[in-house]
N, C-alpha and C. Protein backbone atom coordinates (compact mmCIF):
# COMPACT_ATOMS: atom_id res chain seq x y z
N MET A 1 0.89 -1.08 0.02
CA MET A 1 -0.36 0.24 0.11
C MET A 1 0.91 1.20 -0.21
N GLN A 2 0.69 2.30 -1.12
CA GLN A 2 1.06 3.32 -0.98
C GLN A 2 0.71 4.86 -0.45
N VAL A 3 1.20 5.21 0.52
CA VAL A 3 0.57 6.38 1.13
C VAL A 3 1.11 7.94 0.94
N ILE A 4 0.31 8.57 0.65
CA ILE A 4 1.09 10.36 0.43
C ILE A 4 0.50 10.94 1.25
N VAL A 5 1.47 11.41 2.46
CA VAL A 5 0.88 12.14 2.98
C VAL A 5 1.09 13.74 2.89
N THR A 6 0.42 14.55 3.07
CA THR A 6 0.75 15.98 2.58
C THR A 6 0.06 17.00 3.62
N PHE A 7 1.19 17.91 4.09
CA PHE A 7 0.95 18.98 5.21
C PHE A 7 0.57 19.98 4.49
N ARG A 8 -0.35 21.12 4.69
CA ARG A 8 -1.05 22.17 4.06
C ARG A 8 -0.85 23.18 5.17
N HIS A 9 -0.45 24.51 5.56
CA HIS A 9 -0.86 25.50 6.20
C HIS A 9 -0.44 25.21 7.67
N MET A 10 0.36 24.06 7.87
CA MET A 10 0.78 23.38 9.07
C MET A 10 2.16 22.86 9.15
N PRO A 11 2.99 22.99 10.07
CA PRO A 11 4.00 22.08 10.30
C PRO A 11 4.25 20.79 9.88
N ALA A 12 4.67 20.09 8.98
CA ALA A 12 5.04 18.42 8.91
C ALA A 12 5.24 17.61 10.74
N SER A 13 4.12 17.24 10.79
CA SER A 13 4.21 16.46 11.92
C SER A 13 4.61 14.64 11.71
N GLU A 14 5.95 14.06 12.41
CA GLU A 14 6.07 12.78 11.74
C GLU A 14 4.76 11.89 12.53
N PRO A 15 4.84 12.45 14.02
CA PRO A 15 3.38 11.32 14.82
C PRO A 15 1.88 11.44 14.26
N LEU A 16 1.32 12.84 13.30
CA LEU A 16 0.62 12.72 12.85
C LEU A 16 0.33 11.37 11.43
N LYS A 17 1.47 11.86 10.52
CA LYS A 17 1.75 10.79 10.10
C LYS A 17 2.08 9.56 10.09
N SER A 18 2.87 9.06 10.84
CA SER A 18 2.29 7.91 10.98
C SER A 18 1.07 7.29 11.90
N TYR A 19 0.16 8.58 12.43
CA TYR A 19 -1.34 7.97 13.17
C TYR A 19 -1.85 7.78 11.82
N THR A 20 -1.98 8.77 10.61
CA THR A 20 -2.58 8.23 9.78
C THR A 20 -2.63 7.19 8.87
N GLU A 21 -1.10 6.67 8.64
CA GLU A 21 -1.30 5.56 7.86
C GLU A 21 -1.33 4.47 8.78
N GLU A 22 -1.24 4.28 10.16
CA GLU A 22 -1.54 3.03 11.09
C GLU A 22 -3.12 3.19 10.60
N LYS A 23 -3.82 4.10 10.97
CA LYS A 23 -5.14 3.71 10.62
C LYS A 23 -5.98 3.43 9.11
N LEU A 24 -5.27 3.84 8.52
CA LEU A 24 -6.26 3.84 6.83
C LEU A 24 -5.30 2.39 6.81
N ALA A 25 -4.04 1.83 7.03
CA ALA A 25 -3.73 0.32 6.87
C ALA A 25 -4.69 -0.43 7.89
N HIS A 26 -5.09 -0.12 9.03
CA HIS A 26 -5.88 -1.08 9.58
C HIS A 26 -7.42 -1.00 9.29
N VAL A 27 -8.20 0.12 8.65
CA VAL A 27 -9.40 0.08 7.67
C VAL A 27 -9.26 -0.69 6.51
N ILE A 28 -8.13 -0.53 5.90
CA ILE A 28 -8.11 -1.46 4.64
C ILE A 28 -8.28 -2.42 4.19
N GLU A 29 -6.96 -2.97 5.42
CA GLU A 29 -6.57 -4.33 5.32
C GLU A 29 -7.46 -5.37 6.22
N LYS A 30 -8.48 -4.76 6.69
CA LYS A 30 -9.56 -5.34 7.35
C LYS A 30 -10.99 -5.63 6.14
N TYR A 31 -10.89 -4.92 5.17
CA TYR A 31 -11.36 -5.31 4.33
C TYR A 31 -11.60 -6.13 2.86
N MET A 32 -10.15 -5.30 2.06
CA MET A 32 -9.87 -5.47 1.46
C MET A 32 -8.29 -6.35 1.20
N ARG A 33 -8.24 -7.34 0.09
CA ARG A 33 -7.08 -7.95 -0.12
C ARG A 33 -5.99 -7.69 -1.07
N ALA A 34 -6.61 -6.29 -1.79
CA ALA A 34 -5.71 -6.15 -3.17
C ALA A 34 -4.15 -5.60 -2.80
N SER A 35 -3.38 -5.84 -3.53
CA SER A 35 -2.16 -5.63 -3.65
C SER A 35 -1.58 -4.40 -3.93
N HIS A 36 -2.48 -3.51 -4.67
CA HIS A 36 -1.97 -2.46 -5.49
C HIS A 36 -3.26 -1.25 -4.75
N ILE A 37 -2.83 -0.47 -3.59
CA ILE A 37 -3.68 0.67 -2.94
C ILE A 37 -2.90 1.82 -2.47
N GLU A 38 -3.25 2.80 -3.88
CA GLU A 38 -3.07 3.95 -3.37
C GLU A 38 -3.96 5.28 -2.35
N ALA A 39 -2.98 5.73 -1.90
CA ALA A 39 -4.19 6.72 -0.83
C ALA A 39 -2.99 7.85 -0.94
N HIS A 40 -3.71 8.71 -0.95
CA HIS A 40 -3.37 10.23 -0.80
C HIS A 40 -3.94 11.10 0.39
N VAL A 41 -3.13 11.83 1.16
CA VAL A 41 -4.11 12.31 2.41
C VAL A 41 -3.27 13.58 2.35
N VAL A 42 -4.19 14.81 2.65
CA VAL A 42 -4.16 15.80 2.71
C VAL A 42 -4.69 16.49 4.24
N LEU A 43 -3.44 17.00 5.04
CA LEU A 43 -4.22 17.25 6.60
C LEU A 43 -3.76 18.84 6.26
N SER A 44 -5.03 19.67 6.54
CA SER A 44 -4.43 21.25 6.51
C SER A 44 -5.41 21.85 7.48
N VAL A 45 -4.82 23.31 7.78
CA VAL A 45 -5.35 23.94 8.85
C VAL A 45 -5.80 25.37 8.18
N GLU A 46 -7.48 25.52 8.10
CA GLU A 46 -7.96 26.83 7.89
C GLU A 46 -8.78 27.31 8.87
N ARG A 47 -8.21 28.39 9.69
CA ARG A 47 -8.65 29.34 10.52
C ARG A 47 -8.58 28.54 12.20
N PHE A 48 -9.64 27.86 12.63
CA PHE A 48 -9.53 27.34 13.41
C PHE A 48 -10.05 25.63 12.84
N TRP A 49 -10.05 25.75 12.19
CA TRP A 49 -10.42 23.89 11.34
C TRP A 49 -9.83 23.66 11.14
N HIS A 50 -9.73 21.89 11.55
CA HIS A 50 -8.29 21.00 11.02
C HIS A 50 -9.28 20.30 10.14
N ILE A 51 -8.70 19.87 8.81
CA ILE A 51 -9.22 19.07 7.97
C ILE A 51 -8.39 18.03 7.43
N ALA A 52 -8.94 16.72 7.24
CA ALA A 52 -8.48 15.65 6.68
C ALA A 52 -8.97 15.46 5.71
N SER A 53 -8.48 15.01 4.32
CA SER A 53 -9.31 14.88 3.01
C SER A 53 -8.03 13.61 2.65
N PHE A 54 -8.75 12.28 2.41
CA PHE A 54 -8.59 11.46 1.94
C PHE A 54 -9.06 10.99 0.53
N THR A 55 -8.43 10.77 -0.08
CA THR A 55 -8.62 9.34 -1.73
C THR A 55 -7.58 8.30 -1.33
N VAL A 56 -8.78 7.56 -1.49
CA VAL A 56 -8.05 6.15 -1.58
C VAL A 56 -8.66 5.04 -3.08
N GLY A 57 -7.16 4.57 -3.85
CA GLY A 57 -7.81 4.08 -4.96
C GLY A 57 -7.38 2.32 -4.73
N PHE A 58 -8.40 1.56 -5.09
CA PHE A 58 -8.19 0.29 -5.13
C PHE A 58 -8.93 -0.69 -6.57
N SER A 59 -8.80 -1.38 -7.06
CA SER A 59 -9.28 -2.13 -7.73
C SER A 59 -10.31 -1.41 -8.24
N GLY A 60 -9.68 -0.41 -9.28
CA GLY A 60 -10.51 0.35 -10.38
C GLY A 60 -11.67 1.02 -9.33
N THR A 61 -11.62 1.26 -8.19
CA THR A 61 -12.70 1.98 -7.63
C THR A 61 -12.11 3.22 -7.09
N THR A 62 -12.33 4.35 -6.36
CA THR A 62 -11.64 5.45 -5.96
C THR A 62 -12.57 6.05 -4.52
N VAL A 63 -12.55 5.85 -3.66
CA VAL A 63 -13.18 6.56 -2.42
C VAL A 63 -12.75 7.68 -1.97
N SER A 64 -13.27 8.99 -1.69
CA SER A 64 -12.91 9.99 -1.58
C SER A 64 -13.88 10.57 -0.26
N VAL A 65 -12.90 11.20 0.76
CA VAL A 65 -13.89 11.70 2.27
C VAL A 65 -13.12 12.62 2.82
N GLU A 66 -13.80 13.80 3.09
CA GLU A 66 -13.34 14.94 3.77
C GLU A 66 -13.90 15.20 5.07
N GLU A 67 -13.28 15.26 5.83
CA GLU A 67 -13.70 16.12 7.56
C GLU A 67 -13.52 16.93 7.97
N ARG A 68 -13.92 17.85 8.95
CA ARG A 68 -13.03 18.79 9.36
C ARG A 68 -13.74 18.54 11.06
N SER A 69 -12.84 19.00 11.67
CA SER A 69 -13.31 19.75 12.84
C SER A 69 -12.03 20.60 13.81
N GLN A 70 -12.17 20.51 15.13
CA GLN A 70 -11.77 21.44 16.00
C GLN A 70 -10.18 20.63 15.89
N ASP A 71 -9.62 19.53 16.13
CA ASP A 71 -8.76 18.97 16.53
C ASP A 71 -8.10 17.93 15.23
N MET A 72 -7.09 17.86 14.98
CA MET A 72 -6.77 16.86 13.35
C MET A 72 -6.66 15.55 13.63
N TYR A 73 -6.61 14.89 14.95
CA TYR A 73 -6.83 13.75 15.42
C TYR A 73 -8.18 13.21 15.31
N SER A 74 -9.09 13.91 15.34
CA SER A 74 -10.52 13.59 15.54
C SER A 74 -11.18 13.81 14.27
N SER A 75 -10.57 14.82 13.27
CA SER A 75 -11.01 15.16 11.85
C SER A 75 -10.06 13.53 11.35
N ILE A 76 -8.76 12.83 11.76
CA ILE A 76 -9.01 11.65 11.01
C ILE A 76 -9.81 10.61 11.40
N ASP A 77 -9.87 10.38 12.52
CA ASP A 77 -10.83 9.18 12.74
C ASP A 77 -12.34 9.44 12.13
N LEU A 78 -12.58 10.61 12.15
CA LEU A 78 -14.12 10.37 11.61
C LEU A 78 -14.07 10.33 10.21
N ALA A 79 -13.08 10.84 9.42
CA ALA A 79 -12.85 10.11 8.14
C ALA A 79 -12.73 9.00 7.91
N MET A 80 -12.05 8.36 9.17
CA MET A 80 -11.75 6.97 8.93
C MET A 80 -12.90 5.95 9.23
N ASP A 81 -13.31 6.36 9.71
CA ASP A 81 -15.30 6.06 9.87
C ASP A 81 -16.08 5.68 8.48
N LYS A 82 -16.12 6.84 8.02
CA LYS A 82 -16.69 7.21 6.21
C LYS A 82 -15.93 6.34 5.19
N ILE A 83 -14.53 6.55 5.55
CA ILE A 83 -13.67 5.22 4.65
C ILE A 83 -14.20 3.90 5.02
N GLU A 84 -14.30 3.63 6.06
CA GLU A 84 -14.70 1.98 6.53
C GLU A 84 -15.90 1.90 6.12
N ARG A 85 -17.07 2.39 6.47
CA ARG A 85 -18.66 2.65 5.81
C ARG A 85 -18.96 2.41 4.48
N GLN A 86 -17.36 3.19 3.62
CA GLN A 86 -17.51 3.35 1.96
C GLN A 86 -17.10 1.85 1.42
N VAL A 87 -16.09 1.50 2.12
CA VAL A 87 -15.37 0.82 1.85
C VAL A 87 -15.92 -0.73 2.44
N LYS A 88 -16.76 -0.68 3.16
CA LYS A 88 -17.63 -2.17 3.20
C LYS A 88 -18.66 -1.84 2.78
N ARG A 89 -19.63 -0.96 1.86
CA ARG A 89 -20.81 -1.18 1.54
C ARG A 89 -19.93 -1.50 -0.14
N TYR A 90 -19.19 -0.91 -0.56
CA TYR A 90 -18.29 -1.78 -1.91
C TYR A 90 -18.05 -3.34 -1.47
N LYS A 91 -18.03 -3.66 -0.62
CA LYS A 91 -17.29 -4.78 -0.46
C LYS A 91 -18.55 -6.04 -0.65
N ASP A 92 -19.42 -5.41 0.20
CA ASP A 92 -20.82 -6.26 0.45
C ASP A 92 -21.49 -6.11 -1.03
N LYS A 93 -21.56 -4.83 -1.97
CA LYS A 93 -21.92 -5.06 -3.20
C LYS A 93 -21.19 -6.20 -4.06
N LEU A 94 -19.91 -6.35 -3.93
CA LEU A 94 -18.84 -7.29 -4.86
C LEU A 94 -19.65 -8.62 -4.58
N ARG A 95 -19.91 -8.78 -3.24
CA ARG A 95 -20.16 -10.33 -2.70
C ARG A 95 -21.31 -10.31 -3.01
N GLU A 96 -22.25 -9.48 -2.38
CA GLU A 96 -23.82 -9.97 -2.92
C GLU A 96 -24.06 -10.08 -4.55
N HIS A 97 -23.33 -9.50 -5.75
CA HIS A 97 -23.20 -9.73 -6.90
C HIS A 97 -23.01 -11.09 -7.26
N LYS A 98 -24.24 -11.82 -7.94
CA LYS A 98 -24.30 -13.01 -8.40
C LYS A 98 -24.56 -13.18 -10.09
N PRO A 99 -23.69 -13.66 -10.56
CA PRO A 99 -24.16 -13.82 -12.06
C PRO A 99 -25.37 -14.83 -12.48
N THR A 100 -26.15 -14.23 -13.39
CA THR A 100 -27.45 -14.92 -13.65
C THR A 100 -27.32 -15.97 -14.00
N GLU A 101 -27.86 -17.36 -14.14
CA GLU A 101 -27.35 -18.35 -14.58
C GLU A 101 -28.54 -18.33 -16.05
N GLU A 102 -27.88 -18.85 -16.66
CA GLU A 102 -28.83 -18.74 -18.09
C GLU A 102 -29.83 -20.08 -18.27
N GLU A 103 -30.88 -19.41 -18.59
CA GLU A 103 -31.54 -20.88 -18.62
C GLU A 103 -31.23 -21.62 -19.94
N PRO A 104 -31.78 -22.78 -20.21
CA PRO A 104 -31.49 -23.66 -21.22
C PRO A 104 -32.42 -23.57 -22.14
N SER A 105 -32.10 -22.97 -23.50
CA SER A 105 -33.10 -22.84 -24.22
C SER A 105 -33.72 -24.45 -25.08
N VAL A 106 -35.56 -23.72 -24.85
CA VAL A 106 -36.09 -25.20 -25.67
C VAL A 106 -36.02 -24.97 -26.93
N SER A 107 -35.40 -26.24 -27.63
CA SER A 107 -35.50 -25.93 -29.12
C SER A 107 -36.65 -27.06 -29.36
């Protein structure tokens, strides 16, 4: 899994970066078995809002989430909850899809 973390309008923080990577890895590994997963994370500050924006691409699907709160760690946690719901919904859709069986033609 390739994760790119970008900091905007705030100093780069190694603890924030590792926290983000760990949470994302936990959520993705829980539902997906794909080997090639790309994630781009943008952590930014605007006035008093701490914004966490995630874009995760896997298996031809892209999941995008943006959350904001007054604390960066809670923004990351809220975004992870949304990503988990979206990935779970995608996984359930794949699991429930069953190809229709063709009925033999009567000749």
